[in-house]
Amino acid sequence: MKLAQRIPEHIAESDPSLIQDLLEIPHTNRIQLEISKQALQQIIQNDLTSRQREIILLKYYHSMSNKEIARVLNLDASSVSRTLTRAKARIYKFLHVYLEYLRHAKLES
């Protein structure tokens, strides 16, 4: 994927705790953190629906509450909550697969 299609780095850097808070994965060093951050960006960009992506970005990168997001997107707060729950579940699923692949590849090398 081209760099221009990724989430801009300055947005990802605006809340570096997002990865830890959202994924709750311990990192042993900076390389693992960078790999996880890139994987998270790829998942958000490629594997979420446009609505899920929009809500995740507003929630975690712009620190908006569910009520604020609902107001901005003209949705019910319950719709925002459901969409956020589904988006996080999807992120967990894809990141788990990715991390298992890395662990498996590391064991074989």
PDB file of N, CA and C in Angstrom:
ATOM      1  N   MET A   1       0.845  -1.178   0.000  1.00  0.00           N
ATOM      2  CA  MET A   1       0.000   0.000   0.000  1.00  0.00           C
ATOM      3  C   MET A   1       0.884   1.232   0.000  1.00  0.00           C
ATOM      4  N   LYS A   2       0.511   2.222  -0.762  1.00  0.00           N
ATOM      5  CA  LYS A   2       1.266   3.458  -0.850  1.00  0.00           C
ATOM      6  C   LYS A   2       1.134   4.250   0.446  1.00  0.00           C
ATOM      7  N   LEU A   3       2.208   4.951   0.785  1.00  0.00           N
ATOM      8  CA  LEU A   3       2.224   5.732   2.013  1.00  0.00           C
ATOM      9  C   LEU A   3       1.086   6.736   2.062  1.00  0.00           C
ATOM     10  N   ALA A   4       0.742   7.343   0.933  1.00  0.00           N
ATOM     11  CA  ALA A   4      -0.321   8.354   0.899  1.00  0.00           C
ATOM     12  C   ALA A   4      -1.671   7.769   1.278  1.00  0.00           C
ATOM     13  N   GLN A   5      -1.834   6.467   1.148  1.00  0.00           N
ATOM     14  CA  GLN A   5      -3.108   5.842   1.466  1.00  0.00           C
ATOM     15  C   GLN A   5      -3.214   5.479   2.942  1.00  0.00           C
ATOM     16  N   ARG A   6      -2.107   5.545   3.665  1.00  0.00           N
ATOM     17  CA  ARG A   6      -2.125   5.228   5.086  1.00  0.00           C
ATOM     18  C   ARG A   6      -2.633   6.410   5.892  1.00  0.00           C
ATOM     19  N   ILE A   7      -2.941   6.139   7.132  1.00  0.00           N
ATOM     20  CA  ILE A   7      -3.311   7.211   8.049  1.00  0.00           C
ATOM     21  C   ILE A   7      -2.066   8.059   8.251  1.00  0.00           C
ATOM     22  N   PRO A   8      -2.159   9.376   8.130  1.00  0.00           N
ATOM     23  CA  PRO A   8      -0.969  10.219   8.280  1.00  0.00           C
ATOM     24  C   PRO A   8      -0.275   9.984   9.623  1.00  0.00           C
ATOM     25  N   GLU A   9       1.043   9.979   9.600  1.00  0.00           N
ATOM     26  CA  GLU A   9       1.835   9.688  10.791  1.00  0.00           C
ATOM     27  C   GLU A   9       1.545  10.666  11.921  1.00  0.00           C
ATOM     28  N   HIS A  10       1.330  11.940  11.591  1.00  0.00           N
ATOM     29  CA  HIS A  10       1.079  12.913  12.650  1.00  0.00           C
ATOM     30  C   HIS A  10      -0.214  12.618  13.398  1.00  0.00           C
ATOM     31  N   ILE A  11      -1.161  11.977  12.737  1.00  0.00           N
ATOM     32  CA  ILE A  11      -2.395  11.595  13.425  1.00  0.00           C
ATOM     33  C   ILE A  11      -2.111  10.423  14.357  1.00  0.00           C
ATOM     34  N   ALA A  12      -1.377   9.449  13.879  1.00  0.00           N
ATOM     35  CA  ALA A  12      -1.047   8.293  14.710  1.00  0.00           C
ATOM     36  C   ALA A  12      -0.216   8.716  15.913  1.00  0.00           C
ATOM     37  N   GLU A  13       0.666   9.686  15.727  1.00  0.00           N
ATOM     38  CA  GLU A  13       1.512  10.142  16.825  1.00  0.00           C
ATOM     39  C   GLU A  13       0.749  11.014  17.811  1.00  0.00           C
ATOM     40  N   SER A  14      -0.432  11.516  17.432  1.00  0.00           N
ATOM     41  CA  SER A  14      -1.165  12.407  18.319  1.00  0.00           C
ATOM     42  C   SER A  14      -1.635  11.703  19.583  1.00  0.00           C
ATOM     43  N   ASP A  15      -1.806  10.392  19.539  1.00  0.00           N
ATOM     44  CA  ASP A  15      -2.193   9.638  20.724  1.00  0.00           C
ATOM     45  C   ASP A  15      -1.458   8.306  20.738  1.00  0.00           C
ATOM     46  N   PRO A  16      -0.168   8.316  21.132  1.00  0.00           N
ATOM     47  CA  PRO A  16       0.598   7.071  21.103  1.00  0.00           C
ATOM     48  C   PRO A  16       0.073   6.010  22.053  1.00  0.00           C
ATOM     49  N   SER A  17      -0.747   6.390  23.029  1.00  0.00           N
ATOM     50  CA  SER A  17      -1.304   5.400  23.950  1.00  0.00           C
ATOM     51  C   SER A  17      -2.448   4.615  23.320  1.00  0.00           C
ATOM     52  N   LEU A  18      -2.906   5.023  22.151  1.00  0.00           N
ATOM     53  CA  LEU A  18      -4.024   4.346  21.497  1.00  0.00           C
ATOM     54  C   LEU A  18      -3.771   2.855  21.337  1.00  0.00           C
ATOM     55  N   ILE A  19      -2.605   2.501  20.858  1.00  0.00           N
ATOM     56  CA  ILE A  19      -2.318   1.084  20.629  1.00  0.00           C
ATOM     57  C   ILE A  19      -2.408   0.312  21.935  1.00  0.00           C
ATOM     58  N   GLN A  20      -1.776   0.822  22.980  1.00  0.00           N
ATOM     59  CA  GLN A  20      -1.824   0.133  24.264  1.00  0.00           C
ATOM     60  C   GLN A  20      -3.246   0.048  24.797  1.00  0.00           C
ATOM     61  N   ASP A  21      -3.975   1.170  24.760  1.00  0.00           N
ATOM     62  CA  ASP A  21      -5.330   1.193  25.293  1.00  0.00           C
ATOM     63  C   ASP A  21      -6.274   0.305  24.495  1.00  0.00           C
ATOM     64  N   LEU A  22      -6.168   0.396  23.196  1.00  0.00           N
ATOM     65  CA  LEU A  22      -7.103  -0.314  22.333  1.00  0.00           C
ATOM     66  C   LEU A  22      -6.813  -1.811  22.275  1.00  0.00           C
ATOM     67  N   LEU A  23      -5.571  -2.163  22.220  1.00  0.00           N
ATOM     68  CA  LEU A  23      -5.215  -3.552  21.974  1.00  0.00           C
ATOM     69  C   LEU A  23      -4.708  -4.296  23.201  1.00  0.00           C
ATOM     70  N   GLU A  24      -4.270  -3.545  24.214  1.00  0.00           N
ATOM     71  CA  GLU A  24      -3.793  -4.137  25.460  1.00  0.00           C
ATOM     72  C   GLU A  24      -2.763  -5.239  25.227  1.00  0.00           C
ATOM     73  N   ILE A  25      -1.792  -4.950  24.390  1.00  0.00           N
ATOM     74  CA  ILE A  25      -0.740  -5.908  24.075  1.00  0.00           C
ATOM     75  C   ILE A  25       0.572  -5.380  24.643  1.00  0.00           C
ATOM     76  N   PRO A  26       1.241  -6.155  25.492  1.00  0.00           N
ATOM     77  CA  PRO A  26       2.524  -5.682  26.006  1.00  0.00           C
ATOM     78  C   PRO A  26       3.584  -5.712  24.908  1.00  0.00           C
ATOM     79  N   HIS A  27       4.401  -4.695  24.880  1.00  0.00           N
ATOM     80  CA  HIS A  27       5.466  -4.626  23.879  1.00  0.00           C
ATOM     81  C   HIS A  27       6.807  -4.655  24.602  1.00  0.00           C
ATOM     82  N   THR A  28       7.714  -5.476  24.086  1.00  0.00           N
ATOM     83  CA  THR A  28       9.001  -5.605  24.747  1.00  0.00           C
ATOM     84  C   THR A  28      10.036  -4.631  24.204  1.00  0.00           C
ATOM     85  N   ASN A  29       9.805  -4.081  23.025  1.00  0.00           N
ATOM     86  CA  ASN A  29      10.768  -3.115  22.513  1.00  0.00           C
ATOM     87  C   ASN A  29      10.130  -2.223  21.454  1.00  0.00           C
ATOM     88  N   ARG A  30      10.867  -1.238  21.038  1.00  0.00           N
ATOM     89  CA  ARG A  30      10.382  -0.225  20.086  1.00  0.00           C
ATOM     90  C   ARG A  30      10.033  -0.844  18.729  1.00  0.00           C
ATOM     91  N   ILE A  31      10.762  -1.846  18.295  1.00  0.00           N
ATOM     92  CA  ILE A  31      10.480  -2.477  16.995  1.00  0.00           C
ATOM     93  C   ILE A  31       9.107  -3.123  17.011  1.00  0.00           C
ATOM     94  N   GLN A  32       8.782  -3.844  18.088  1.00  0.00           N
ATOM     95  CA  GLN A  32       7.459  -4.455  18.182  1.00  0.00           C
ATOM     96  C   GLN A  32       6.370  -3.391  18.190  1.00  0.00           C
ATOM     97  N   LEU A  33       6.615  -2.284  18.881  1.00  0.00           N
ATOM     98  CA  LEU A  33       5.647  -1.204  18.918  1.00  0.00           C
ATOM     99  C   LEU A  33       5.418  -0.636  17.516  1.00  0.00           C
ATOM    100  N   GLU A  34       6.500  -0.426  16.769  1.00  0.00           N
ATOM    101  CA  GLU A  34       6.374   0.105  15.414  1.00  0.00           C
ATOM    102  C   GLU A  34       5.638  -0.876  14.492  1.00  0.00           C
ATOM    103  N   ILE A  35       5.941  -2.154  14.624  1.00  0.00           N
ATOM    104  CA  ILE A  35       5.248  -3.166  13.813  1.00  0.00           C
ATOM    105  C   ILE A  35       3.766  -3.171  14.152  1.00  0.00           C
ATOM    106  N   SER A  36       3.440  -3.121  15.439  1.00  0.00           N
ATOM    107  CA  SER A  36       2.040  -3.114  15.855  1.00  0.00           C
ATOM    108  C   SER A  36       1.325  -1.855  15.397  1.00  0.00           C
ATOM    109  N   LYS A  37       2.007  -0.716  15.462  1.00  0.00           N
ATOM    110  CA  LYS A  37       1.398   0.533  15.026  1.00  0.00           C
ATOM    111  C   LYS A  37       1.096   0.479  13.519  1.00  0.00           C
ATOM    112  N   GLN A  38       2.049  -0.032  12.756  1.00  0.00           N
ATOM    113  CA  GLN A  38       1.836  -0.150  11.310  1.00  0.00           C
ATOM    114  C   GLN A  38       0.715  -1.135  11.009  1.00  0.00           C
ATOM    115  N   ALA A  39       0.676  -2.236  11.738  1.00  0.00           N
ATOM    116  CA  ALA A  39      -0.392  -3.219  11.534  1.00  0.00           C
ATOM    117  C   ALA A  39      -1.742  -2.600  11.870  1.00  0.00           C
ATOM    118  N   LEU A  40      -1.801  -1.869  12.969  1.00  0.00           N
ATOM    119  CA  LEU A  40      -3.048  -1.211  13.357  1.00  0.00           C
ATOM    120  C   LEU A  40      -3.494  -0.226  12.291  1.00  0.00           C
ATOM    121  N   GLN A  41      -2.576   0.563  11.773  1.00  0.00           N
ATOM    122  CA  GLN A  41      -2.919   1.524  10.720  1.00  0.00           C
ATOM    123  C   GLN A  41      -3.436   0.819   9.479  1.00  0.00           C
ATOM    124  N   GLN A  42      -2.797  -0.283   9.118  1.00  0.00           N
ATOM    125  CA  GLN A  42      -3.227  -1.044   7.947  1.00  0.00           C
ATOM    126  C   GLN A  42      -4.632  -1.618   8.161  1.00  0.00           C
ATOM    127  N   ILE A  43      -4.879  -2.156   9.343  1.00  0.00           N
ATOM    128  CA  ILE A  43      -6.191  -2.730   9.649  1.00  0.00           C
ATOM    129  C   ILE A  43      -7.268  -1.650   9.607  1.00  0.00           C
ATOM    130  N   ILE A  44      -7.001  -0.514  10.240  1.00  0.00           N
ATOM    131  CA  ILE A  44      -7.977   0.576  10.233  1.00  0.00           C
ATOM    132  C   ILE A  44      -8.256   1.026   8.811  1.00  0.00           C
ATOM    133  N   GLN A  45      -7.219   1.148   8.020  1.00  0.00           N
ATOM    134  CA  GLN A  45      -7.375   1.648   6.650  1.00  0.00           C
ATOM    135  C   GLN A  45      -8.050   0.630   5.721  1.00  0.00           C
ATOM    136  N   ASN A  46      -7.694  -0.641   5.873  1.00  0.00           N
ATOM    137  CA  ASN A  46      -8.105  -1.639   4.877  1.00  0.00           C
ATOM    138  C   ASN A  46      -9.222  -2.584   5.295  1.00  0.00           C
ATOM    139  N   ASP A  47      -9.402  -2.805   6.586  1.00  0.00           N
ATOM    140  CA  ASP A  47     -10.280  -3.885   7.023  1.00  0.00           C
ATOM    141  C   ASP A  47     -11.525  -3.435   7.772  1.00  0.00           C
ATOM    142  N   LEU A  48     -11.705  -2.140   7.923  1.00  0.00           N
ATOM    143  CA  LEU A  48     -12.925  -1.627   8.549  1.00  0.00           C
ATOM    144  C   LEU A  48     -13.813  -1.006   7.484  1.00  0.00           C
ATOM    145  N   THR A  49     -15.100  -0.950   7.787  1.00  0.00           N
ATOM    146  CA  THR A  49     -15.994  -0.219   6.886  1.00  0.00           C
ATOM    147  C   THR A  49     -15.681   1.270   7.020  1.00  0.00           C
ATOM    148  N   SER A  50     -16.146   2.055   6.087  1.00  0.00           N
ATOM    149  CA  SER A  50     -15.878   3.498   6.159  1.00  0.00           C
ATOM    150  C   SER A  50     -16.485   4.108   7.420  1.00  0.00           C
ATOM    151  N   ARG A  51     -17.654   3.652   7.827  1.00  0.00           N
ATOM    152  CA  ARG A  51     -18.292   4.166   9.049  1.00  0.00           C
ATOM    153  C   ARG A  51     -17.486   3.764  10.282  1.00  0.00           C
ATOM    154  N   GLN A  52     -17.048   2.509  10.337  1.00  0.00           N
ATOM    155  CA  GLN A  52     -16.235   2.058  11.463  1.00  0.00           C
ATOM    156  C   GLN A  52     -14.941   2.866  11.550  1.00  0.00           C
ATOM    157  N   ARG A  53     -14.288   3.052  10.411  1.00  0.00           N
ATOM    158  CA  ARG A  53     -13.041   3.817  10.362  1.00  0.00           C
ATOM    159  C   ARG A  53     -13.268   5.245  10.856  1.00  0.00           C
ATOM    160  N   GLU A  54     -14.332   5.851  10.397  1.00  0.00           N
ATOM    161  CA  GLU A  54     -14.655   7.226  10.777  1.00  0.00           C
ATOM    162  C   GLU A  54     -14.861   7.339  12.297  1.00  0.00           C
ATOM    163  N   ILE A  55     -15.600   6.402  12.860  1.00  0.00           N
ATOM    164  CA  ILE A  55     -15.884   6.438  14.294  1.00  0.00           C
ATOM    165  C   ILE A  55     -14.617   6.162  15.111  1.00  0.00           C
ATOM    166  N   ILE A  56     -13.803   5.201  14.699  1.00  0.00           N
ATOM    167  CA  ILE A  56     -12.536   4.920  15.385  1.00  0.00           C
ATOM    168  C   ILE A  56     -11.640   6.160  15.379  1.00  0.00           C
ATOM    169  N   LEU A  57     -11.532   6.811  14.236  1.00  0.00           N
ATOM    170  CA  LEU A  57     -10.673   7.999  14.149  1.00  0.00           C
ATOM    171  C   LEU A  57     -11.190   9.128  15.027  1.00  0.00           C
ATOM    172  N   LEU A  58     -12.497   9.347  15.023  1.00  0.00           N
ATOM    173  CA  LEU A  58     -13.057  10.402  15.869  1.00  0.00           C
ATOM    174  C   LEU A  58     -12.883  10.075  17.351  1.00  0.00           C
ATOM    175  N   LYS A  59     -13.079   8.816  17.699  1.00  0.00           N
ATOM    176  CA  LYS A  59     -13.007   8.398  19.105  1.00  0.00           C
ATOM    177  C   LYS A  59     -11.576   8.449  19.640  1.00  0.00           C
ATOM    178  N   TYR A  60     -10.651   7.825  18.934  1.00  0.00           N
ATOM    179  CA  TYR A  60      -9.312   7.651  19.473  1.00  0.00           C
ATOM    180  C   TYR A  60      -8.295   8.698  19.011  1.00  0.00           C
ATOM    181  N   TYR A  61      -8.456   9.241  17.825  1.00  0.00           N
ATOM    182  CA  TYR A  61      -7.486  10.219  17.345  1.00  0.00           C
ATOM    183  C   TYR A  61      -7.920  11.654  17.639  1.00  0.00           C
ATOM    184  N   HIS A  62      -9.214  11.845  17.824  1.00  0.00           N
ATOM    185  CA  HIS A  62      -9.718  13.184  18.116  1.00  0.00           C
ATOM    186  C   HIS A  62     -10.358  13.266  19.500  1.00  0.00           C
ATOM    187  N   SER A  63     -10.281  12.181  20.254  1.00  0.00           N
ATOM    188  CA  SER A  63     -10.740  12.122  21.655  1.00  0.00           C
ATOM    189  C   SER A  63     -12.175  12.604  21.844  1.00  0.00           C
ATOM    190  N   MET A  64     -13.043  12.227  20.935  1.00  0.00           N
ATOM    191  CA  MET A  64     -14.444  12.621  21.042  1.00  0.00           C
ATOM    192  C   MET A  64     -15.235  11.563  21.805  1.00  0.00           C
ATOM    193  N   SER A  65     -16.237  12.002  22.548  1.00  0.00           N
ATOM    194  CA  SER A  65     -17.123  11.074  23.246  1.00  0.00           C
ATOM    195  C   SER A  65     -18.110  10.476  22.240  1.00  0.00           C
ATOM    196  N   ASN A  66     -18.780   9.412  22.651  1.00  0.00           N
ATOM    197  CA  ASN A  66     -19.787   8.805  21.775  1.00  0.00           C
ATOM    198  C   ASN A  66     -20.901   9.795  21.444  1.00  0.00           C
ATOM    199  N   LYS A  67     -21.289  10.603  22.427  1.00  0.00           N
ATOM    200  CA  LYS A  67     -22.335  11.604  22.185  1.00  0.00           C
ATOM    201  C   LYS A  67     -21.879  12.652  21.181  1.00  0.00           C
ATOM    202  N   GLU A  68     -20.622  13.082  21.284  1.00  0.00           N
ATOM    203  CA  GLU A  68     -20.096  14.057  20.327  1.00  0.00           C
ATOM    204  C   GLU A  68     -20.038  13.463  18.923  1.00  0.00           C
ATOM    205  N   ILE A  69     -19.589  12.221  18.831  1.00  0.00           N
ATOM    206  CA  ILE A  69     -19.523  11.545  17.530  1.00  0.00           C
ATOM    207  C   ILE A  69     -20.923  11.426  16.942  1.00  0.00           C
ATOM    208  N   ALA A  70     -21.880  11.037  17.768  1.00  0.00           N
ATOM    209  CA  ALA A  70     -23.267  10.899  17.307  1.00  0.00           C
ATOM    210  C   ALA A  70     -23.773  12.226  16.758  1.00  0.00           C
ATOM    211  N   ARG A  71     -23.467  13.302  17.444  1.00  0.00           N
ATOM    212  CA  ARG A  71     -23.918  14.622  17.007  1.00  0.00           C
ATOM    213  C   ARG A  71     -23.265  15.003  15.669  1.00  0.00           C
ATOM    214  N   VAL A  72     -21.962  14.783  15.558  1.00  0.00           N
ATOM    215  CA  VAL A  72     -21.226  15.130  14.336  1.00  0.00           C
ATOM    216  C   VAL A  72     -21.711  14.316  13.142  1.00  0.00           C
ATOM    217  N   LEU A  73     -21.962  13.019  13.360  1.00  0.00           N
ATOM    218  CA  LEU A  73     -22.345  12.126  12.264  1.00  0.00           C
ATOM    219  C   LEU A  73     -23.855  11.984  12.099  1.00  0.00           C
ATOM    220  N   ASN A  74     -24.601  12.692  12.953  1.00  0.00           N
ATOM    221  CA  ASN A  74     -26.067  12.637  12.896  1.00  0.00           C
ATOM    222  C   ASN A  74     -26.571  11.196  13.072  1.00  0.00           C
ATOM    223  N   LEU A  75     -26.077  10.565  14.140  1.00  0.00           N
ATOM    224  CA  LEU A  75     -26.458   9.193  14.474  1.00  0.00           C
ATOM    225  C   LEU A  75     -26.952   9.148  15.910  1.00  0.00           C
ATOM    226  N   ASP A  76     -27.588   8.040  16.276  1.00  0.00           N
ATOM    227  CA  ASP A  76     -27.929   7.789  17.677  1.00  0.00           C
ATOM    228  C   ASP A  76     -26.650   7.396  18.410  1.00  0.00           C
ATOM    229  N   ALA A  77     -26.551   7.753  19.673  1.00  0.00           N
ATOM    230  CA  ALA A  77     -25.390   7.367  20.473  1.00  0.00           C
ATOM    231  C   ALA A  77     -25.273   5.844  20.540  1.00  0.00           C
ATOM    232  N   SER A  78     -26.406   5.159  20.563  1.00  0.00           N
ATOM    233  CA  SER A  78     -26.365   3.690  20.614  1.00  0.00           C
ATOM    234  C   SER A  78     -25.781   3.109  19.322  1.00  0.00           C
ATOM    235  N   SER A  79     -26.043   3.747  18.194  1.00  0.00           N
ATOM    236  CA  SER A  79     -25.450   3.302  16.921  1.00  0.00           C
ATOM    237  C   SER A  79     -23.945   3.487  16.936  1.00  0.00           C
ATOM    238  N   VAL A  80     -23.499   4.590  17.492  1.00  0.00           N
ATOM    239  CA  VAL A  80     -22.058   4.841  17.608  1.00  0.00           C
ATOM    240  C   VAL A  80     -21.428   3.769  18.493  1.00  0.00           C
ATOM    241  N   SER A  81     -22.053   3.485  19.615  1.00  0.00           N
ATOM    242  CA  SER A  81     -21.528   2.486  20.535  1.00  0.00           C
ATOM    243  C   SER A  81     -21.447   1.101  19.888  1.00  0.00           C
ATOM    244  N   ARG A  82     -22.500   0.698  19.198  1.00  0.00           N
ATOM    245  CA  ARG A  82     -22.510  -0.609  18.519  1.00  0.00           C
ATOM    246  C   ARG A  82     -21.438  -0.673  17.433  1.00  0.00           C
ATOM    247  N   THR A  83     -21.331   0.385  16.647  1.00  0.00           N
ATOM    248  CA  THR A  83     -20.352   0.408  15.560  1.00  0.00           C
ATOM    249  C   THR A  83     -18.938   0.381  16.121  1.00  0.00           C
ATOM    250  N   LEU A  84     -18.711   1.093  17.206  1.00  0.00           N
ATOM    251  CA  LEU A  84     -17.404   1.114  17.853  1.00  0.00           C
ATOM    252  C   LEU A  84     -17.050  -0.281  18.381  1.00  0.00           C
ATOM    253  N   THR A  85     -18.007  -0.946  18.999  1.00  0.00           N
ATOM    254  CA  THR A  85     -17.784  -2.301  19.512  1.00  0.00           C
ATOM    255  C   THR A  85     -17.437  -3.258  18.378  1.00  0.00           C
ATOM    256  N   ARG A  86     -18.163  -3.172  17.283  1.00  0.00           N
ATOM    257  CA  ARG A  86     -17.890  -4.048  16.130  1.00  0.00           C
ATOM    258  C   ARG A  86     -16.534  -3.742  15.508  1.00  0.00           C
ATOM    259  N   ALA A  87     -16.193  -2.458  15.424  1.00  0.00           N
ATOM    260  CA  ALA A  87     -14.910  -2.072  14.840  1.00  0.00           C
ATOM    261  C   ALA A  87     -13.756  -2.596  15.689  1.00  0.00           C
ATOM    262  N   LYS A  88     -13.856  -2.453  17.004  1.00  0.00           N
ATOM    263  CA  LYS A  88     -12.787  -2.937  17.878  1.00  0.00           C
ATOM    264  C   LYS A  88     -12.673  -4.457  17.797  1.00  0.00           C
ATOM    265  N   ALA A  89     -13.796  -5.142  17.727  1.00  0.00           N
ATOM    266  CA  ALA A  89     -13.754  -6.607  17.595  1.00  0.00           C
ATOM    267  C   ALA A  89     -13.056  -7.007  16.301  1.00  0.00           C
ATOM    268  N   ARG A  90     -13.320  -6.277  15.248  1.00  0.00           N
ATOM    269  CA  ARG A  90     -12.692  -6.554  13.953  1.00  0.00           C
ATOM    270  C   ARG A  90     -11.186  -6.277  14.027  1.00  0.00           C
ATOM    271  N   ILE A  91     -10.813  -5.186  14.689  1.00  0.00           N
ATOM    272  CA  ILE A  91      -9.398  -4.865  14.848  1.00  0.00           C
ATOM    273  C   ILE A  91      -8.700  -5.960  15.652  1.00  0.00           C
ATOM    274  N   TYR A  92      -9.302  -6.369  16.766  1.00  0.00           N
ATOM    275  CA  TYR A  92      -8.725  -7.439  17.586  1.00  0.00           C
ATOM    276  C   TYR A  92      -8.512  -8.697  16.747  1.00  0.00           C
ATOM    277  N   LYS A  93      -9.518  -9.060  15.983  1.00  0.00           N
ATOM    278  CA  LYS A  93      -9.458 -10.277  15.166  1.00  0.00           C
ATOM    279  C   LYS A  93      -8.302 -10.215  14.176  1.00  0.00           C
ATOM    280  N   PHE A  94      -8.223  -9.147  13.407  1.00  0.00           N
ATOM    281  CA  PHE A  94      -7.180  -9.030  12.391  1.00  0.00           C
ATOM    282  C   PHE A  94      -5.799  -8.900  13.020  1.00  0.00           C
ATOM    283  N   LEU A  95      -5.686  -8.157  14.115  1.00  0.00           N
ATOM    284  CA  LEU A  95      -4.387  -7.994  14.751  1.00  0.00           C
ATOM    285  C   LEU A  95      -3.939  -9.303  15.393  1.00  0.00           C
ATOM    286  N   HIS A  96      -4.864 -10.047  15.959  1.00  0.00           N
ATOM    287  CA  HIS A  96      -4.521 -11.347  16.537  1.00  0.00           C
ATOM    288  C   HIS A  96      -3.936 -12.268  15.464  1.00  0.00           C
ATOM    289  N   VAL A  97      -4.581 -12.324  14.320  1.00  0.00           N
ATOM    290  CA  VAL A  97      -4.080 -13.147  13.215  1.00  0.00           C
ATOM    291  C   VAL A  97      -2.690 -12.683  12.803  1.00  0.00           C
ATOM    292  N   TYR A  98      -2.518 -11.382  12.692  1.00  0.00           N
ATOM    293  CA  TYR A  98      -1.231 -10.826  12.293  1.00  0.00           C
ATOM    294  C   TYR A  98      -0.133 -11.167  13.299  1.00  0.00           C
ATOM    295  N   LEU A  99      -0.426 -10.992  14.588  1.00  0.00           N
ATOM    296  CA  LEU A  99       0.572 -11.278  15.613  1.00  0.00           C
ATOM    297  C   LEU A  99       0.888 -12.766  15.711  1.00  0.00           C
ATOM    298  N   GLU A 100      -0.109 -13.599  15.517  1.00  0.00           N
ATOM    299  CA  GLU A 100       0.143 -15.046  15.494  1.00  0.00           C
ATOM    300  C   GLU A 100       1.060 -15.409  14.327  1.00  0.00           C
ATOM    301  N   TYR A 101       0.840 -14.776  13.189  1.00  0.00           N
ATOM    302  CA  TYR A 101       1.710 -14.996  12.028  1.00  0.00           C
ATOM    303  C   TYR A 101       3.149 -14.600  12.370  1.00  0.00           C
ATOM    304  N   LEU A 102       3.324 -13.440  13.015  1.00  0.00           N
ATOM    305  CA  LEU A 102       4.677 -12.991  13.394  1.00  0.00           C
ATOM    306  C   LEU A 102       5.330 -13.950  14.374  1.00  0.00           C
ATOM    307  N   ARG A 103       4.555 -14.403  15.357  1.00  0.00           N
ATOM    308  CA  ARG A 103       5.103 -15.348  16.342  1.00  0.00           C
ATOM    309  C   ARG A 103       5.522 -16.651  15.672  1.00  0.00           C
ATOM    310  N   HIS A 104       4.698 -17.140  14.774  1.00  0.00           N
ATOM    311  CA  HIS A 104       4.984 -18.369  14.055  1.00  0.00           C
ATOM    312  C   HIS A 104       6.239 -18.195  13.197  1.00  0.00           C
ATOM    313  N   ALA A 105       6.328 -17.087  12.496  1.00  0.00           N
ATOM    314  CA  ALA A 105       7.487 -16.815  11.640  1.00  0.00           C
ATOM    315  C   ALA A 105       8.756 -16.701  12.480  1.00  0.00           C
ATOM    316  N   LYS A 106       8.641 -16.115  13.663  1.00  0.00           N
ATOM    317  CA  LYS A 106       9.795 -15.951  14.553  1.00  0.00           C
ATOM    318  C   LYS A 106      10.264 -17.316  15.060  1.00  0.00           C
ATOM    319  N   LEU A 107       9.328 -18.202  15.363  1.00  0.00           N
ATOM    320  CA  LEU A 107       9.684 -19.531  15.862  1.00  0.00           C
ATOM    321  C   LEU A 107      10.404 -20.356  14.795  1.00  0.00           C
ATOM    322  N   GLU A 108      10.045 -20.147  13.540  1.00  0.00           N
ATOM    323  CA  GLU A 108      10.647 -20.919  12.461  1.00  0.00           C
ATOM    324  C   GLU A 108      12.022 -20.410  12.078  1.00  0.00           C
ATOM    325  N   SER A 109      12.337 -19.167  12.409  1.00  0.00           N
ATOM    326  CA  SER A 109      13.639 -18.630  12.007  1.00  0.00           C
ATOM    327  C   SER A 109      14.729 -18.899  13.010  1.00  0.00           C
TER     328      SER A 109
END
